[in-house]
Amino acid sequence: MKKSEYSGFMQVFRYTLGQSVKAKSFVITMLIMGLIIAASFPVLNYMNREDEVIKESKIETVYVNDSTGLLSNISEAVKDEDAYKNVKFVRETRNLKEMEEAVKEKHENMTFLLADITEEAGGYELKFYRDDQSEVEYEDLAQLSDIIKKYAEKQKISTAGVSAEILEMISRDVNSTTMNKAEYLKEDTHEVISFNDYNVVYALLMVSYMVICISAGMVSAKVVEEKANRVVEYLMTNVRPMALILGKICATAVVACGEIAFFAAVAGLSNKISAMLFNTKSSDTLSKFISMNAIKALSPLNIIICIILIALGIITFGLLAGLCAATVSKMEELGQASKGYTFIILIGFFLSFAAVEMMWTTGINLFVKITFFLPITSIFVLPGAIIIGKVTLFEVFIAIIIEIIFGYIILRFVSLVYESVIVMNDGTVKFKQVLAIAKQNRKYVKANRKDGV
């Protein structure tokens, strides 16, 4: 390709980047989204703050009706709890209604504990009651109930005479499977990702898909707008067509990746500050949505690699979107033009979605490996696989090389036809016409090379 085909690229890149960043819609979107993200973490940290600990209980007496035998030494449950060291535990066989009548005139801040084994609960059940007129607060009783529940759990294990680990093991179900020898040998032994890993990969799949779709839509809309207004004809007097389209796409990729980095930085900073204000751990807030064990491979290098992959996807699909948009002459026809590149994006998305489902159900098999390297799917699947640590750096390097080669092939094809298609204003240019133009221009380029032009 002639170097002159990209003459003016930097001018277009800088202009498009500047216009995109200065646009009111961009500034307003960044501010609104930034404020929403910044405000969300204080709210989440407030919800995740440590519950207030009752330091001095108002409970005077606990009447205990225990048919389980687990609470025979219930006073042991609170021996190390300063808030409940003065609480009296009284054994009772009467029910709640009878107890209320019996203690009505004592004016005690009492509670009633019914410990029983019921089929409805599927095992042991502890029920705590307080009178509506009592000074005992709900939080006070809830804290006591947690303490006694933990004590009952320990007593249950102690009664069995085994450790908690052994008790858990012997409580597990026993399953059996019948199969032929051949079926066993064919059984898939690939590693299956956890549900938390699945959530991370799926979330990044959706982020990549939305960023690429929005970026491609922005490029196609700008191309049609300039063609419909005949602005492109004026621009082409000073700038080569390929420099025009490529400058727009690269600027769009920078803006999109910059937005991702900005929102991630705002989220991280907001989480840190709000965690300090509410005395919580920043990791605790994130763990409400993402397991920290799932993002074991999260690092600055891997984040940069993911951004590079998304940027390559934006450039590749941006070229396709620009070419498709160049085949129409009016904004009303943009929807028709978008079908071409949208169809390819959807194929890549659904194949990627199937791969993510397989990673969770059957493991990382051959199909999943193929999606790691297939250009239209790697940009969707790989970011998540990288963050959860299910792909090697060598595999990522190969996938990026393949993506670059694929993008270069698309670039070569677009360079053959874009200049011819962008100046055609007599209706929609069909795909067959585009192929014919590419073939004709290819012959022209080869002829010029032979003549030394």
Protein backbone atom coordinates (compact mmCIF):
# COMPACT_ATOMS: atom_id res chain seq x y z
CA MET A 1 0.00 0.00 0.00
CA LYS A 2 1.13 3.48 -0.76
CA LYS A 3 2.14 5.55 2.20
CA SER A 4 0.24 8.51 0.70
CA GLU A 5 -3.03 6.65 1.31
CA TYR A 6 -2.68 7.53 5.01
CA SER A 7 -1.61 11.12 4.43
CA GLY A 8 -3.42 13.32 6.93
CA PHE A 9 -4.12 10.54 9.44
CA MET A 10 -2.76 12.45 12.45
CA GLN A 11 -4.70 15.59 11.56
CA VAL A 12 -7.95 13.61 11.39
CA PHE A 13 -7.08 11.70 14.57
CA ARG A 14 -6.34 14.84 16.57
CA TYR A 15 -9.37 16.68 15.21
CA THR A 16 -11.78 13.78 15.88
CA LEU A 17 -10.32 13.18 19.34
CA GLY A 18 -10.64 16.86 20.22
CA GLN A 19 -14.19 17.14 18.90
CA SER A 20 -15.26 13.96 20.71
CA VAL A 21 -13.85 15.08 24.04
CA LYS A 22 -15.26 18.63 23.70
CA ALA A 23 -18.73 17.48 22.62
CA LYS A 24 -21.43 18.38 25.16
CA SER A 25 -22.94 14.90 24.96
CA PHE A 26 -19.59 13.34 25.86
CA VAL A 27 -18.94 15.71 28.75
CA ILE A 28 -22.46 15.31 30.16
CA THR A 29 -22.30 11.51 29.86
CA MET A 30 -18.90 11.38 31.59
CA LEU A 31 -20.10 13.64 34.40
CA ILE A 32 -23.39 11.79 34.98
CA MET A 33 -21.85 8.31 34.82
CA GLY A 34 -18.89 9.43 36.93
CA LEU A 35 -21.21 10.86 39.60
CA ILE A 36 -23.38 7.72 39.59
CA ILE A 37 -20.34 5.46 40.00
CA ALA A 38 -18.79 7.76 42.63
CA ALA A 39 -22.03 7.86 44.62
CA SER A 40 -22.77 4.14 44.36
CA PHE A 41 -19.81 3.02 46.48
CA PRO A 42 -20.62 5.21 49.52
CA VAL A 43 -24.15 3.78 49.41
CA LEU A 44 -22.84 0.22 49.13
CA ASN A 45 -20.27 0.78 51.89
CA TYR A 46 -22.98 2.26 54.10
CA MET A 47 -25.06 -0.87 53.55
CA ASN A 48 -21.97 -3.02 54.15
CA ARG A 49 -20.91 -1.24 57.34
CA GLU A 50 -20.53 -3.25 60.50
CA ASP A 51 -23.73 -3.50 62.51
CA GLU A 52 -23.74 -1.60 65.79
CA VAL A 53 -22.71 -3.90 68.60
CA ILE A 54 -24.91 -3.89 71.70
CA LYS A 55 -22.55 -3.15 74.59
CA GLU A 56 -25.07 -3.36 77.44
CA SER A 57 -28.14 -5.51 77.05
CA LYS A 58 -31.50 -4.61 78.57
CA ILE A 59 -32.50 -8.26 78.74
CA GLU A 60 -32.92 -9.34 82.37
CA THR A 61 -34.34 -12.85 82.07
CA VAL A 62 -34.52 -15.48 79.34
CA TYR A 63 -37.10 -18.23 79.87
CA VAL A 64 -35.89 -21.30 78.01
CA ASN A 65 -38.16 -24.12 76.84
CA ASP A 66 -35.69 -26.63 75.44
CA SER A 67 -36.73 -30.03 74.10
CA THR A 68 -33.49 -30.62 72.18
CA GLY A 69 -30.98 -31.03 75.00
CA LEU A 70 -28.50 -28.78 73.20
CA LEU A 71 -29.02 -25.90 75.63
CA SER A 72 -28.56 -27.76 78.90
CA ASN A 73 -25.69 -25.41 79.82
CA ILE A 74 -26.97 -22.33 78.01
CA SER A 75 -25.30 -19.94 80.45
CA GLU A 76 -21.98 -21.09 78.97
CA ALA A 77 -23.01 -19.41 75.70
CA VAL A 78 -22.70 -15.91 77.20
CA LYS A 79 -19.95 -16.40 79.78
CA ASP A 80 -17.51 -14.34 77.68
CA GLU A 81 -20.10 -11.79 76.53
CA ASP A 82 -19.97 -8.68 78.71
CA ALA A 83 -23.28 -7.40 77.36
CA TYR A 84 -25.15 -10.46 78.65
CA LYS A 85 -23.17 -11.42 81.75
CA ASN A 86 -26.07 -10.41 84.06
CA VAL A 87 -28.80 -12.21 82.10
CA LYS A 88 -30.64 -14.95 84.01
CA PHE A 89 -31.62 -18.14 82.18
CA VAL A 90 -34.69 -19.86 83.67
CA ARG A 91 -35.80 -23.34 82.64
CA GLU A 92 -39.45 -23.63 81.68
CA THR A 93 -41.85 -26.19 80.29
CA ARG A 94 -44.73 -23.79 79.80
CA ASN A 95 -45.53 -22.31 76.40
CA LEU A 96 -45.26 -18.66 75.44
CA LYS A 97 -48.82 -17.69 76.33
CA GLU A 98 -48.63 -19.30 79.75
CA MET A 99 -45.28 -17.64 80.43
CA GLU A 100 -46.60 -14.19 79.55
CA GLU A 101 -49.39 -14.57 82.10
CA ALA A 102 -46.96 -15.80 84.76
CA VAL A 103 -44.47 -12.94 84.46
CA LYS A 104 -46.94 -10.13 83.68
CA GLU A 105 -46.74 -8.62 87.16
CA LYS A 106 -42.95 -8.97 87.50
CA HIS A 107 -42.33 -6.21 84.98
CA GLU A 108 -39.24 -7.99 83.73
CA ASN A 109 -37.47 -7.18 80.49
CA MET A 110 -37.80 -10.79 79.58
CA THR A 111 -37.56 -12.87 76.44
CA PHE A 112 -38.77 -16.35 75.70
CA LEU A 113 -36.63 -18.92 73.90
CA LEU A 114 -38.27 -21.99 72.41
CA ALA A 115 -35.76 -24.61 71.24
CA ASP A 116 -37.31 -27.53 69.40
CA ILE A 117 -36.78 -30.15 66.68
CA THR A 118 -39.37 -29.81 63.95
CA GLU A 119 -39.96 -31.48 60.60
CA GLU A 120 -41.05 -28.11 59.21
CA ALA A 121 -37.64 -26.55 59.90
CA GLY A 122 -35.84 -29.68 58.76
CA GLY A 123 -33.92 -29.93 62.02
CA TYR A 124 -33.27 -27.80 65.09
CA GLU A 125 -35.18 -24.56 65.41
CA LEU A 126 -34.55 -21.74 67.89
CA LYS A 127 -37.30 -19.17 68.27
CA PHE A 128 -36.82 -15.98 70.27
CA TYR A 129 -39.75 -13.85 71.38
CA ARG A 130 -40.00 -10.45 73.06
CA ASP A 131 -43.05 -8.55 74.20
CA ASP A 132 -44.07 -5.50 72.17
CA GLN A 133 -44.17 -3.44 75.36
CA SER A 134 -40.72 -4.56 76.47
CA GLU A 135 -37.75 -2.21 76.61
CA VAL A 136 -35.70 -4.91 74.91
CA GLU A 137 -34.75 -3.72 71.42
CA TYR A 138 -34.91 -5.94 68.37
CA GLU A 139 -31.14 -5.56 67.72
CA ASP A 140 -30.44 -6.61 71.29
CA LEU A 141 -32.42 -9.82 70.94
CA ALA A 142 -30.99 -10.48 67.46
CA GLN A 143 -27.44 -10.25 68.82
CA LEU A 144 -28.24 -12.66 71.64
CA SER A 145 -29.89 -15.07 69.20
CA ASP A 146 -26.73 -15.15 67.06
CA ILE A 147 -24.60 -15.94 70.11
CA ILE A 148 -26.87 -18.78 71.23
CA LYS A 149 -27.19 -20.13 67.70
CA LYS A 150 -23.38 -20.43 67.40
CA TYR A 151 -23.31 -22.12 70.81
CA ALA A 152 -25.99 -24.61 69.69
CA GLU A 153 -23.99 -25.41 66.55
CA LYS A 154 -20.90 -26.20 68.66
CA GLN A 155 -22.98 -28.34 71.02
CA LYS A 156 -24.41 -30.29 68.10
CA ILE A 157 -20.90 -31.13 66.87
CA SER A 158 -19.70 -31.87 70.40
CA THR A 159 -22.61 -34.28 70.94
CA ALA A 160 -21.66 -36.15 67.78
CA GLY A 161 -18.12 -36.51 69.12
CA VAL A 162 -16.49 -35.54 65.82
CA SER A 163 -14.85 -32.43 64.36
CA ALA A 164 -16.78 -29.92 62.24
CA GLU A 165 -14.87 -31.05 59.12
CA ILE A 166 -15.72 -34.71 59.62
CA LEU A 167 -19.34 -33.89 60.43
CA GLU A 168 -19.63 -31.94 57.18
CA MET A 169 -18.05 -34.79 55.24
CA ILE A 170 -20.31 -37.53 56.65
CA SER A 171 -23.38 -35.33 56.12
CA ARG A 172 -22.83 -35.14 52.37
CA ASP A 173 -25.05 -37.08 49.96
CA VAL A 174 -23.77 -40.19 48.23
CA ASN A 175 -24.41 -40.26 44.47
CA SER A 176 -23.89 -43.10 42.04
CA THR A 177 -23.44 -43.13 38.26
CA THR A 178 -23.64 -46.07 35.89
CA MET A 179 -21.78 -45.96 32.57
CA ASN A 180 -19.91 -48.13 30.09
CA LYS A 181 -16.11 -48.19 29.97
CA ALA A 182 -16.09 -46.35 26.62
CA GLU A 183 -18.28 -43.59 28.04
CA TYR A 184 -15.93 -43.20 30.99
CA LEU A 185 -12.90 -42.86 28.73
CA LYS A 186 -14.71 -40.23 26.67
CA GLU A 187 -15.75 -38.28 29.76
CA ASP A 188 -14.77 -34.61 29.59
CA THR A 189 -12.05 -33.95 32.14
CA HIS A 190 -11.53 -30.27 31.30
CA GLU A 191 -11.46 -27.84 34.19
CA VAL A 192 -14.84 -26.24 34.85
CA ILE A 193 -14.86 -22.62 36.04
CA SER A 194 -16.77 -21.66 39.19
CA PHE A 195 -19.95 -19.61 39.24
CA ASN A 196 -17.97 -16.58 40.47
CA ASP A 197 -15.54 -16.99 37.55
CA TYR A 198 -18.50 -17.26 35.20
CA ASN A 199 -19.92 -13.95 36.48
CA VAL A 200 -16.61 -12.17 35.83
CA VAL A 201 -16.22 -13.56 32.29
CA TYR A 202 -19.85 -12.86 31.44
CA ALA A 203 -19.66 -9.28 32.79
CA LEU A 204 -16.55 -8.49 30.72
CA LEU A 205 -18.16 -10.13 27.68
CA MET A 206 -21.10 -7.72 27.99
CA VAL A 207 -18.81 -4.71 28.55
CA SER A 208 -16.75 -5.54 25.44
CA TYR A 209 -19.89 -6.10 23.38
CA MET A 210 -21.48 -2.80 24.40
CA VAL A 211 -18.28 -0.77 23.90
CA ILE A 212 -17.69 -2.23 20.42
CA CYS A 213 -21.33 -1.81 19.36
CA ILE A 214 -21.47 1.82 20.54
CA SER A 215 -18.10 2.66 18.93
CA ALA A 216 -19.05 1.05 15.60
CA GLY A 217 -22.36 2.92 15.68
CA MET A 218 -20.57 6.23 16.27
CA VAL A 219 -18.21 5.65 13.32
CA SER A 220 -20.98 4.63 10.92
CA ALA A 221 -23.18 7.59 11.91
CA LYS A 222 -20.31 10.06 11.38
CA VAL A 223 -19.44 8.58 7.95
CA VAL A 224 -23.03 8.75 6.69
CA GLU A 225 -23.47 12.27 8.08
CA GLU A 226 -20.38 13.56 6.26
CA LYS A 227 -21.32 11.74 3.06
CA ALA A 228 -24.92 12.99 3.14
CA ASN A 229 -23.76 16.59 3.71
CA ARG A 230 -21.01 16.19 1.07
CA VAL A 231 -18.49 17.30 3.66
CA VAL A 232 -16.38 14.26 2.78
CA GLU A 233 -15.82 15.60 -0.73
CA TYR A 234 -14.32 18.77 0.71
CA LEU A 235 -12.20 16.84 3.25
CA MET A 236 -10.81 14.54 0.55
CA THR A 237 -9.15 17.48 -1.19
CA ASN A 238 -6.61 17.63 1.64
CA VAL A 239 -6.88 14.23 3.34
CA ARG A 240 -6.76 10.76 1.81
CA PRO A 241 -9.95 8.67 2.31
CA MET A 242 -8.17 5.92 4.28
CA ALA A 243 -6.59 8.48 6.59
CA LEU A 244 -10.07 9.94 7.08
CA ILE A 245 -11.74 6.70 8.12
CA LEU A 246 -8.80 5.30 10.08
CA GLY A 247 -8.27 8.58 11.96
CA LYS A 248 -11.90 8.56 13.07
CA ILE A 249 -11.79 4.92 14.18
CA CYS A 250 -8.54 5.23 16.15
CA ALA A 251 -9.79 8.38 17.87
CA THR A 252 -13.03 6.58 18.76
CA ALA A 253 -11.03 3.65 20.17
CA VAL A 254 -8.95 6.00 22.33
CA VAL A 255 -12.08 7.75 23.61
CA ALA A 256 -13.85 4.44 24.41
CA CYS A 257 -10.84 2.94 26.20
CA GLY A 258 -10.29 6.24 28.01
CA GLU A 259 -13.87 6.12 29.27
CA ILE A 260 -13.37 2.59 30.60
CA ALA A 261 -10.15 3.58 32.37
CA PHE A 262 -11.78 6.74 33.80
CA PHE A 263 -14.83 4.93 35.16
CA ALA A 264 -12.62 2.19 36.65
CA ALA A 265 -10.43 4.84 38.34
CA VAL A 266 -13.47 6.68 39.72
CA ALA A 267 -14.90 3.42 41.04
CA GLY A 268 -11.63 2.45 42.71
CA LEU A 269 -11.09 5.87 44.29
CA SER A 270 -14.70 6.14 45.45
CA ASN A 271 -14.54 2.67 46.98
CA LYS A 272 -11.31 3.48 48.86
CA ILE A 273 -12.57 6.80 50.24
CA SER A 274 -16.01 5.51 51.24
CA ALA A 275 -14.44 2.43 52.89
CA MET A 276 -12.34 4.76 55.06
CA LEU A 277 -15.36 6.89 55.95
CA PHE A 278 -17.56 3.97 56.96
CA ASN A 279 -14.76 1.89 58.49
CA THR A 280 -15.25 -1.04 56.14
CA LYS A 281 -12.92 -3.00 53.90
CA SER A 282 -12.99 -1.96 50.24
CA SER A 283 -12.72 -5.62 49.22
CA ASP A 284 -15.85 -6.41 51.27
CA THR A 285 -17.92 -4.05 49.11
CA LEU A 286 -16.64 -5.51 45.84
CA SER A 287 -17.17 -9.03 47.16
CA LYS A 288 -20.90 -8.32 47.26
CA PHE A 289 -20.79 -8.47 43.46
CA ILE A 290 -17.46 -10.06 42.52
CA SER A 291 -15.60 -12.77 44.40
CA MET A 292 -12.03 -11.68 45.11
CA ASN A 293 -10.92 -15.27 44.42
CA ALA A 294 -12.39 -15.03 40.91
CA ILE A 295 -10.20 -12.09 39.84
CA LYS A 296 -6.98 -13.75 40.97
CA ALA A 297 -5.12 -12.62 37.81
CA LEU A 298 -6.14 -8.96 38.06
CA SER A 299 -3.01 -6.85 37.55
CA PRO A 300 -2.04 -3.62 35.75
CA LEU A 301 -0.47 -5.66 32.91
CA ASN A 302 -3.58 -7.76 32.38
CA ILE A 303 -5.81 -4.68 32.49
CA ILE A 304 -3.66 -3.07 29.77
CA ILE A 305 -3.86 -6.27 27.68
CA CYS A 306 -7.66 -6.29 28.00
CA ILE A 307 -7.86 -2.65 26.91
CA ILE A 308 -5.60 -3.44 23.91
CA LEU A 309 -7.90 -6.31 22.91
CA ILE A 310 -10.98 -4.10 23.13
CA ALA A 311 -9.20 -1.34 21.16
CA LEU A 312 -8.31 -3.84 18.41
CA GLY A 313 -11.95 -4.92 18.31
CA ILE A 314 -13.09 -1.31 18.00
CA ILE A 315 -10.67 -0.69 15.11
CA THR A 316 -11.58 -3.92 13.28
CA PHE A 317 -15.34 -3.51 13.57
CA GLY A 318 -14.99 0.25 13.08
CA LEU A 319 -13.46 -0.41 9.65
CA LEU A 320 -16.37 -2.70 8.76
CA ALA A 321 -18.87 -0.16 10.11
CA GLY A 322 -17.23 2.67 8.13
CA LEU A 323 -17.30 0.63 4.93
CA CYS A 324 -20.94 -0.39 5.41
CA ALA A 325 -21.91 3.22 6.14
CA ALA A 326 -20.12 4.42 3.01
CA THR A 327 -22.47 2.28 0.87
CA VAL A 328 -25.47 4.51 1.65
CA SER A 329 -26.06 8.22 1.03
CA LYS A 330 -28.72 9.22 3.56
CA MET A 331 -29.11 9.02 7.35
CA GLU A 332 -32.45 7.26 6.85
CA GLU A 333 -30.58 4.39 5.21
CA LEU A 334 -28.14 3.98 8.11
CA GLY A 335 -30.20 1.19 9.66
CA GLN A 336 -29.96 -0.82 6.45
CA ALA A 337 -26.22 -0.22 6.24
CA SER A 338 -25.72 -1.27 9.88
CA LYS A 339 -27.07 -4.76 9.22
CA GLY A 340 -23.80 -5.86 7.62
CA TYR A 341 -21.39 -5.27 10.50
CA THR A 342 -24.06 -5.81 13.19
CA PHE A 343 -24.64 -9.34 11.90
CA ILE A 344 -20.92 -10.16 12.20
CA ILE A 345 -20.77 -8.66 15.71
CA LEU A 346 -23.80 -10.72 16.76
CA ILE A 347 -22.25 -13.94 15.41
CA GLY A 348 -19.11 -13.20 17.43
CA PHE A 349 -21.17 -12.38 20.52
CA PHE A 350 -23.32 -15.52 20.44
CA LEU A 351 -20.33 -17.78 19.80
CA SER A 352 -18.59 -16.08 22.72
CA PHE A 353 -21.66 -16.48 24.92
CA ALA A 354 -21.79 -20.20 24.07
CA ALA A 355 -18.09 -20.48 24.96
CA VAL A 356 -18.66 -18.82 28.35
CA GLU A 357 -21.54 -21.20 29.07
CA MET A 358 -19.33 -24.17 28.16
CA MET A 359 -16.54 -22.91 30.43
CA TRP A 360 -19.01 -23.12 33.30
CA THR A 361 -20.77 -26.38 32.40
CA THR A 362 -18.25 -28.59 30.56
CA GLY A 363 -14.93 -26.81 31.01
CA ILE A 364 -12.39 -25.16 28.72
CA ASN A 365 -12.67 -27.56 25.78
CA LEU A 366 -11.60 -27.31 22.12
CA PHE A 367 -14.50 -25.04 21.16
CA VAL A 368 -13.61 -22.59 23.93
CA LYS A 369 -9.95 -22.64 22.88
CA ILE A 370 -10.98 -21.82 19.30
CA THR A 371 -12.96 -18.79 20.50
CA PHE A 372 -9.81 -17.58 22.27
CA PHE A 373 -8.10 -17.24 18.88
CA LEU A 374 -10.98 -16.55 16.49
CA PRO A 375 -10.82 -12.78 15.72
CA ILE A 376 -14.57 -12.11 15.99
CA THR A 377 -14.80 -13.87 19.38
CA SER A 378 -11.42 -13.38 21.10
CA ILE A 379 -12.20 -9.70 21.79
CA PHE A 380 -15.29 -10.80 23.77
CA VAL A 381 -14.07 -13.96 25.56
CA LEU A 382 -10.40 -13.27 26.28
CA PRO A 383 -10.72 -10.26 28.65
CA GLY A 384 -12.68 -12.33 31.16
CA ALA A 385 -10.51 -15.42 30.70
CA ILE A 386 -7.41 -13.29 31.34
CA ILE A 387 -8.78 -11.75 34.55
CA ILE A 388 -9.77 -15.13 36.06
CA GLY A 389 -6.41 -16.62 35.07
CA LYS A 390 -7.63 -19.30 32.65
CA VAL A 391 -5.39 -18.38 29.71
CA THR A 392 -1.61 -18.06 29.44
CA LEU A 393 0.27 -14.95 28.29
CA PHE A 394 1.59 -16.91 25.32
CA GLU A 395 -1.96 -17.74 24.21
CA VAL A 396 -2.95 -14.10 24.67
CA PHE A 397 0.05 -13.01 22.57
CA ILE A 398 -0.94 -15.41 19.75
CA ALA A 399 -4.56 -14.19 19.92
CA ILE A 400 -3.45 -10.54 19.66
CA ILE A 401 -1.21 -11.34 16.67
CA ILE A 402 -4.12 -13.10 14.93
CA GLU A 403 -6.39 -10.13 15.72
CA ILE A 404 -3.84 -7.71 14.25
CA ILE A 405 -3.49 -9.84 11.09
CA PHE A 406 -7.29 -10.04 10.75
CA GLY A 407 -7.57 -6.28 11.22
CA TYR A 408 -4.85 -5.73 8.63
CA ILE A 409 -6.73 -7.90 6.09
CA ILE A 410 -9.90 -5.87 6.71
CA LEU A 411 -7.85 -2.69 6.36
CA ARG A 412 -6.42 -3.84 3.03
CA PHE A 413 -9.88 -4.65 1.70
CA VAL A 414 -11.38 -1.36 2.90
CA SER A 415 -8.46 0.56 1.38
CA LEU A 416 -9.24 -0.95 -2.03
CA VAL A 417 -12.87 0.15 -2.12
CA TYR A 418 -13.43 2.98 0.36
CA GLU A 419 -12.32 5.85 -1.88
CA SER A 420 -14.54 4.65 -4.70
CA VAL A 421 -17.57 3.91 -2.53
CA ILE A 422 -17.49 7.06 -0.38
CA VAL A 423 -17.99 9.38 -3.39
CA MET A 424 -20.93 7.39 -4.84
CA ASN A 425 -24.15 9.28 -4.08
CA ASP A 426 -26.56 7.54 -6.43
CA GLY A 427 -28.34 5.30 -3.90
CA THR A 428 -27.21 2.23 -1.99
CA VAL A 429 -24.11 0.37 -3.14
CA LYS A 430 -24.70 -3.40 -3.11
CA PHE A 431 -22.20 -5.88 -1.71
CA LYS A 432 -21.62 -7.36 -5.18
CA GLN A 433 -20.68 -3.92 -6.42
CA VAL A 434 -18.23 -3.51 -3.55
CA LEU A 435 -16.56 -6.83 -4.45
CA ALA A 436 -16.40 -5.80 -8.11
CA ILE A 437 -14.79 -2.47 -7.15
CA ALA A 438 -12.26 -4.28 -4.94
CA LYS A 439 -11.36 -6.65 -7.77
CA GLN A 440 -11.01 -3.84 -10.30
CA ASN A 441 -8.91 -1.65 -7.97
CA ARG A 442 -6.70 -4.60 -7.06
CA LYS A 443 -5.86 -5.10 -10.73
CA TYR A 444 -5.15 -1.39 -11.01
CA VAL A 445 -2.78 -1.46 -8.05
CA LYS A 446 -0.92 -4.49 -9.41
CA ALA A 447 -0.60 -2.85 -12.84
CA ASN A 448 0.85 0.31 -11.27
CA ARG A 449 3.37 -1.73 -9.30
CA LYS A 450 4.54 -3.48 -12.43
CA ASP A 451 4.94 -0.15 -14.21
CA GLY A 452 6.86 1.21 -11.21
CA VAL A 453 4.27 3.92 -10.54
